[in-house]
Amino acid sequence: MNTVLVEKRLPSNQTIQIVQGDITAEEVDAIVNAANEYLQHGGGVARTISKQGGPAIQKESDAWVQEHGRVSHAHPAWTSGGHLPAKYVIHAVGPIWGDGDEDNKLEAAATGSLRLADELKCSSLGLPAISTGIYGFPKERAAKIILAAIEKYFMNNSSELKTIKLVLYDQPTVDVFLKHWQAKWGQ
């Protein structure tokens, strides 16, 4: 069962939460998948989402790449949620640590996910700690970038998104995001 650990209402009227649990169980309009540019969901969060959502997610992902080509950091792809509670899966390509310009690529992936959720007319979104698993992005750095990207997006854009849930699975990731949350918002 997923647990809301902290929540904050931004001046722009969005509620941001840190949730510990399984992103595939979140009852939100869309969840973000930390994907690779070819949308081959073979490991990490991507594998879990694809497995729980069923074969439709990989089939739709293959069709997306065939039609549009590789997915960029700033422009995520999307598919249905298959068997998941979420209607959509937004496939954000996070940076691989060591490839260069990682901070900007991570910010672009987070911002692109929020923008696409708005384009899909979502009111709620579940977001993982993009790139901090098998891609090796340092959790401390990712927490700071993702939280700042969310805040910046809502300061600069009119949005129908009302709830953004940072859904984090393991305790070390939760601890790092909570530390940055408390430093930023003091809760």
Protein backbone atom coordinates (compact mmCIF):
# COMPACT_ATOMS: atom_id res chain seq x y z
CA MET A 1 0.00 0.00 0.00
CA ASN A 2 1.30 3.45 -0.91
CA THR A 3 1.76 6.04 1.82
CA VAL A 4 1.74 9.84 1.46
CA LEU A 5 4.67 11.07 3.56
CA VAL A 6 4.49 14.85 2.97
CA GLU A 7 2.41 17.23 0.92
CA LYS A 8 2.70 20.87 -0.10
CA ARG A 9 0.32 23.21 -1.89
CA LEU A 10 2.14 25.54 -4.27
CA PRO A 11 1.09 29.18 -4.75
CA SER A 12 -0.10 28.09 -8.23
CA ASN A 13 -2.61 25.77 -6.49
CA GLN A 14 -1.01 22.40 -7.28
CA THR A 15 -0.49 19.85 -4.52
CA ILE A 16 2.83 18.02 -4.55
CA GLN A 17 3.28 14.87 -2.48
CA ILE A 18 6.06 12.45 -1.72
CA VAL A 19 4.56 8.98 -1.71
CA GLN A 20 6.40 5.83 -0.73
CA GLY A 21 5.27 2.79 -2.66
CA ASP A 22 4.62 1.26 -6.05
CA ILE A 23 3.99 3.71 -8.91
CA THR A 24 1.98 1.06 -10.79
CA ALA A 25 -0.61 1.09 -7.98
CA GLU A 26 -1.21 4.86 -8.04
CA GLU A 27 -4.72 5.92 -9.03
CA VAL A 28 -3.72 8.96 -11.06
CA ASP A 29 -4.49 10.04 -14.62
CA ALA A 30 -0.92 9.31 -15.75
CA ILE A 31 2.29 7.87 -14.41
CA VAL A 32 5.76 8.62 -15.71
CA ASN A 33 7.97 5.76 -16.82
CA ALA A 34 11.72 6.27 -16.68
CA ALA A 35 12.34 5.00 -20.22
CA ASN A 36 15.13 4.62 -22.73
CA GLU A 37 14.99 6.38 -26.09
CA TYR A 38 13.81 3.24 -27.91
CA LEU A 39 11.04 2.50 -25.36
CA GLN A 40 12.31 -1.01 -24.73
CA HIS A 41 11.06 -1.64 -21.21
CA GLY A 42 13.54 -4.30 -20.11
CA GLY A 43 14.74 -3.12 -16.70
CA GLY A 44 14.06 -1.01 -13.64
CA VAL A 45 10.83 0.98 -13.31
CA ALA A 46 10.14 0.51 -17.04
CA ARG A 47 10.08 -3.26 -16.71
CA THR A 48 7.76 -3.11 -13.69
CA ILE A 49 5.35 -0.75 -15.45
CA SER A 50 5.34 -2.83 -18.62
CA LYS A 51 4.87 -6.08 -16.70
CA GLN A 52 2.03 -4.74 -14.52
CA GLY A 53 0.35 -2.89 -17.38
CA GLY A 54 0.43 -5.83 -19.76
CA PRO A 55 1.61 -6.28 -23.36
CA ALA A 56 -0.34 -3.26 -24.68
CA ILE A 57 2.26 -0.87 -23.24
CA GLN A 58 5.22 -2.42 -25.10
CA LYS A 59 3.14 -2.84 -28.27
CA GLU A 60 2.09 0.83 -28.21
CA SER A 61 5.66 1.86 -27.37
CA ASP A 62 7.01 -0.05 -30.40
CA ALA A 63 4.40 1.62 -32.61
CA TRP A 64 5.35 5.06 -31.21
CA VAL A 65 9.04 4.59 -32.02
CA GLN A 66 8.22 3.21 -35.46
CA GLU A 67 6.10 6.29 -36.22
CA HIS A 68 8.07 9.05 -34.45
CA GLY A 69 11.61 7.69 -34.03
CA ARG A 70 13.69 7.77 -30.87
CA VAL A 71 12.28 9.64 -27.88
CA SER A 72 14.20 12.73 -26.69
CA HIS A 73 14.70 13.97 -23.14
CA ALA A 74 12.50 17.04 -23.64
CA HIS A 75 9.67 15.35 -25.56
CA PRO A 76 8.38 12.21 -23.84
CA ALA A 77 6.20 9.65 -25.59
CA TRP A 78 2.93 8.31 -24.20
CA THR A 79 0.89 5.14 -24.31
CA SER A 80 -2.23 3.88 -22.62
CA GLY A 81 -1.89 2.52 -19.11
CA GLY A 82 -2.92 -0.97 -20.21
CA HIS A 83 -4.10 -2.81 -17.09
CA LEU A 84 -2.77 -0.13 -14.72
CA PRO A 85 -5.09 2.17 -12.74
CA ALA A 86 -3.53 5.13 -14.63
CA LYS A 87 -5.09 6.01 -17.98
CA TYR A 88 -1.73 6.96 -19.52
CA VAL A 89 1.95 6.15 -19.19
CA ILE A 90 4.26 9.04 -20.09
CA HIS A 91 7.62 7.62 -21.18
CA ALA A 92 10.31 10.14 -20.16
CA VAL A 93 13.87 9.52 -21.25
CA GLY A 94 16.17 10.33 -18.38
CA PRO A 95 19.91 10.80 -18.74
CA ILE A 96 22.47 8.06 -18.19
CA TRP A 97 25.01 9.28 -15.64
CA GLY A 98 28.30 9.96 -17.40
CA ASP A 99 26.84 10.83 -20.83
CA GLY A 100 27.26 14.58 -20.32
CA ASP A 101 24.85 17.47 -19.62
CA GLU A 102 22.93 15.18 -17.25
CA ASP A 103 21.39 17.95 -15.11
CA ASN A 104 19.81 19.72 -18.08
CA LYS A 105 18.61 16.42 -19.55
CA LEU A 106 16.94 15.44 -16.26
CA GLU A 107 15.27 18.84 -15.94
CA ALA A 108 14.06 18.51 -19.56
CA ALA A 109 12.63 15.03 -18.87
CA ALA A 110 10.75 16.21 -15.77
CA THR A 111 9.46 19.38 -17.46
CA GLY A 112 8.51 17.48 -20.62
CA SER A 113 6.52 15.00 -18.52
CA LEU A 114 4.55 17.80 -16.86
CA ARG A 115 3.92 19.50 -20.20
CA LEU A 116 2.71 16.24 -21.80
CA ALA A 117 0.44 15.53 -18.81
CA ASP A 118 -1.12 18.95 -19.45
CA GLU A 119 -1.49 18.19 -23.17
CA LEU A 120 -3.26 14.93 -22.24
CA LYS A 121 -5.56 16.96 -19.93
CA CYS A 122 -4.47 15.08 -16.81
CA SER A 123 -5.33 16.41 -13.38
CA SER A 124 -3.02 14.02 -11.50
CA LEU A 125 0.43 12.60 -12.22
CA GLY A 126 2.71 10.03 -10.58
CA LEU A 127 6.42 10.71 -11.12
CA PRO A 128 9.34 8.43 -10.14
CA ALA A 129 12.91 9.44 -9.33
CA ILE A 130 13.87 9.45 -13.02
CA SER A 131 17.35 8.07 -13.84
CA THR A 132 18.34 7.29 -10.22
CA GLY A 133 18.12 3.52 -10.64
CA ILE A 134 19.91 1.63 -13.38
CA TYR A 135 20.98 4.89 -15.09
CA GLY A 136 23.05 5.82 -12.02
CA PHE A 137 22.04 9.47 -11.60
CA PRO A 138 22.98 10.54 -8.03
CA LYS A 139 19.82 10.64 -5.91
CA GLU A 140 20.82 13.85 -4.09
CA ARG A 141 21.27 15.71 -7.33
CA ALA A 142 18.11 14.25 -8.91
CA ALA A 143 15.94 15.24 -5.93
CA LYS A 144 17.08 18.85 -6.14
CA ILE A 145 16.60 19.02 -9.94
CA ILE A 146 13.20 17.29 -10.04
CA LEU A 147 11.71 19.35 -7.18
CA ALA A 148 13.02 22.59 -8.74
CA ALA A 149 11.71 21.61 -12.20
CA ILE A 150 8.22 20.99 -10.79
CA GLU A 151 8.15 24.31 -8.96
CA LYS A 152 9.52 26.20 -11.99
CA TYR A 153 7.01 24.59 -14.37
CA PHE A 154 4.02 25.71 -12.31
CA MET A 155 5.43 29.21 -11.77
CA ASN A 156 5.77 29.67 -15.54
CA ASN A 157 2.78 27.76 -16.97
CA SER A 158 -0.97 27.71 -16.60
CA SER A 159 -1.85 24.10 -15.82
CA GLU A 160 -4.83 21.85 -15.23
CA LEU A 161 -2.64 19.49 -13.21
CA LYS A 162 -3.77 19.55 -9.59
CA THR A 163 -1.82 16.72 -7.94
CA ILE A 164 1.75 15.61 -8.57
CA LYS A 165 2.91 12.58 -6.64
CA LEU A 166 6.61 11.81 -6.44
CA VAL A 167 6.26 8.05 -6.03
CA LEU A 168 9.43 6.58 -4.57
CA TYR A 169 9.96 2.90 -3.95
CA ASP A 170 13.03 2.36 -1.77
CA GLN A 171 13.90 3.93 1.56
CA PRO A 172 17.25 5.47 0.49
CA THR A 173 15.50 7.39 -2.32
CA VAL A 174 12.67 8.45 -0.01
CA ASP A 175 15.19 9.70 2.58
CA VAL A 176 17.07 11.82 0.01
CA PHE A 177 13.90 13.37 -1.45
CA LEU A 178 12.54 14.11 2.04
CA LYS A 179 15.82 15.81 2.95
CA HIS A 180 15.63 18.09 -0.10
CA TRP A 181 11.91 18.67 0.44
CA GLN A 182 12.56 19.82 4.02
CA ALA A 183 15.45 22.04 2.91
CA LYS A 184 13.24 23.62 0.24
CA TRP A 185 9.90 23.86 2.07
CA GLY A 186 10.71 23.17 5.71
CA GLN A 187 8.08 20.49 6.31
